[in-house]
Amino acid sequence: MTIYYLVLQEISGGIGEDKMRQLRNYTEEAVRVYIDRVYSEMEVCQCEICRLDVMALMLNALEPNYVVTDQGALYAQMSDFDPQYKADLVTAMGAAITKVTNRPRHERAAQ
């Protein structure tokens, strides 16, 4: 058994054929987690419209990473440790925030 299999068993309560399989885009999950950690600390519009627009633009800029099994998701999460992956997230977020800030889909608040 690999270490990844053992870690997956530990966090998921085991791997079995009876578990429901789902198609998931790991990139979407990574973007959501990153947005949740960082977005609220930035000096940008915090409304849900802008937040979702930033997420959508980030996802369009990043390569999708679809997984089906829990083990596939664990392997995909290993990319979190890749410095280039983190740089890609930061770059995508910067470009998305610039675009959304310059053209929000709602009236700008008075400053």
Protein backbone atom coordinates (compact mmCIF):
# COMPACT_ATOMS: atom_id res chain seq x y z
CA MET A 1 0.00 0.00 0.00
CA THR A 2 1.14 3.52 -0.72
CA ILE A 3 1.22 6.26 1.89
CA TYR A 4 -1.47 8.12 -0.05
CA TYR A 5 -3.82 5.15 0.22
CA LEU A 6 -3.23 4.98 3.96
CA VAL A 7 -3.82 8.70 4.44
CA LEU A 8 -7.01 8.48 2.40
CA GLN A 9 -8.26 5.58 4.51
CA GLU A 10 -7.56 7.58 7.63
CA ILE A 11 -9.39 10.74 6.57
CA SER A 12 -12.29 9.14 4.75
CA GLY A 13 -13.00 6.19 6.99
CA GLY A 14 -11.81 3.70 4.38
CA ILE A 15 -12.10 3.09 0.69
CA GLY A 16 -14.74 0.76 -0.60
CA GLU A 17 -16.65 -0.05 -3.73
CA ASP A 18 -19.88 0.87 -1.96
CA LYS A 19 -18.84 4.54 -1.72
CA MET A 20 -20.66 6.86 -4.09
CA ARG A 21 -18.47 8.04 -6.94
CA GLN A 22 -18.70 11.63 -8.10
CA LEU A 23 -17.09 13.61 -10.86
CA ARG A 24 -15.38 16.60 -9.24
CA ASN A 25 -13.24 19.43 -10.55
CA TYR A 26 -10.49 19.68 -7.97
CA THR A 27 -9.47 23.08 -9.37
CA GLU A 28 -12.90 24.43 -8.40
CA GLU A 29 -12.46 23.18 -4.85
CA ALA A 30 -8.95 24.67 -4.65
CA VAL A 31 -10.20 28.05 -5.94
CA ARG A 32 -13.09 28.02 -3.45
CA VAL A 33 -10.73 27.29 -0.53
CA TYR A 34 -8.25 29.93 -1.70
CA ILE A 35 -11.01 32.54 -2.09
CA ASP A 36 -12.37 31.72 1.37
CA ARG A 37 -8.92 32.18 2.91
CA VAL A 38 -7.78 35.32 1.10
CA TYR A 39 -10.63 37.30 -0.45
CA SER A 40 -12.11 38.79 2.72
CA GLU A 41 -8.74 40.31 3.65
CA MET A 42 -8.43 42.19 0.35
CA GLU A 43 -9.62 45.74 -0.26
CA VAL A 44 -12.14 44.80 -2.96
CA CYS A 45 -15.90 44.66 -3.16
CA GLN A 46 -17.02 41.83 -0.89
CA CYS A 47 -20.47 41.30 -2.40
CA GLU A 48 -21.44 37.84 -3.56
CA ILE A 49 -21.73 38.94 -7.20
CA CYS A 50 -18.12 40.13 -7.34
CA ARG A 51 -16.86 37.17 -5.33
CA LEU A 52 -18.50 34.69 -7.71
CA ASP A 53 -17.32 36.65 -10.75
CA VAL A 54 -13.74 36.47 -9.46
CA MET A 55 -14.12 32.72 -8.91
CA ALA A 56 -15.56 32.20 -12.40
CA LEU A 57 -12.77 34.16 -14.05
CA MET A 58 -10.15 32.26 -12.05
CA LEU A 59 -11.65 28.93 -13.08
CA ASN A 60 -11.68 29.99 -16.73
CA ALA A 61 -7.99 30.91 -16.49
CA LEU A 62 -6.84 27.75 -14.69
CA GLU A 63 -6.59 24.25 -16.06
CA PRO A 64 -9.41 21.99 -14.84
CA ASN A 65 -8.43 18.91 -12.89
CA TYR A 66 -11.29 16.40 -12.85
CA VAL A 67 -11.21 13.42 -10.51
CA VAL A 68 -13.67 10.62 -9.90
CA THR A 69 -12.35 8.61 -6.98
CA ASP A 70 -11.40 9.78 -3.52
CA GLN A 71 -7.88 8.58 -4.26
CA GLY A 72 -7.81 10.76 -7.37
CA ALA A 73 -8.80 13.75 -5.25
CA LEU A 74 -5.96 13.03 -2.86
CA TYR A 75 -3.46 12.94 -5.71
CA ALA A 76 -4.91 16.19 -7.06
CA GLN A 77 -4.46 17.81 -3.65
CA MET A 78 -0.75 17.06 -3.87
CA SER A 79 -0.59 19.89 -6.43
CA ASP A 80 -1.25 22.26 -3.51
CA PHE A 81 2.37 21.74 -2.53
CA ASP A 82 3.62 22.76 -5.99
CA PRO A 83 4.95 26.34 -5.97
CA GLN A 84 3.91 26.83 -9.61
CA TYR A 85 0.32 25.83 -8.78
CA LYS A 86 0.21 28.44 -6.00
CA ALA A 87 1.70 31.04 -8.34
CA ASP A 88 -0.96 30.21 -10.93
CA LEU A 89 -3.71 30.71 -8.30
CA VAL A 90 -2.28 34.08 -7.24
CA THR A 91 -1.88 35.23 -10.86
CA ALA A 92 -5.40 34.13 -11.80
CA MET A 93 -6.85 35.85 -8.74
CA GLY A 94 -5.00 39.10 -9.47
CA ALA A 95 -6.19 39.20 -13.06
CA ALA A 96 -9.76 38.31 -12.06
CA ILE A 97 -9.90 40.96 -9.32
CA THR A 98 -8.57 43.62 -11.69
CA LYS A 99 -11.20 42.74 -14.29
CA VAL A 100 -14.09 42.61 -11.81
CA THR A 101 -13.00 45.81 -10.04
CA ASN A 102 -12.77 47.69 -13.34
CA ARG A 103 -16.18 46.46 -14.55
CA PRO A 104 -18.38 45.25 -11.68
CA ARG A 105 -21.80 43.91 -12.62
CA HIS A 106 -23.48 46.24 -10.13
CA GLU A 107 -23.47 49.94 -9.27
CA ARG A 108 -20.29 51.09 -7.55
CA ALA A 109 -20.67 52.12 -3.93
CA ALA A 110 -20.09 55.78 -3.11
CA GLN A 111 -16.60 56.38 -1.73
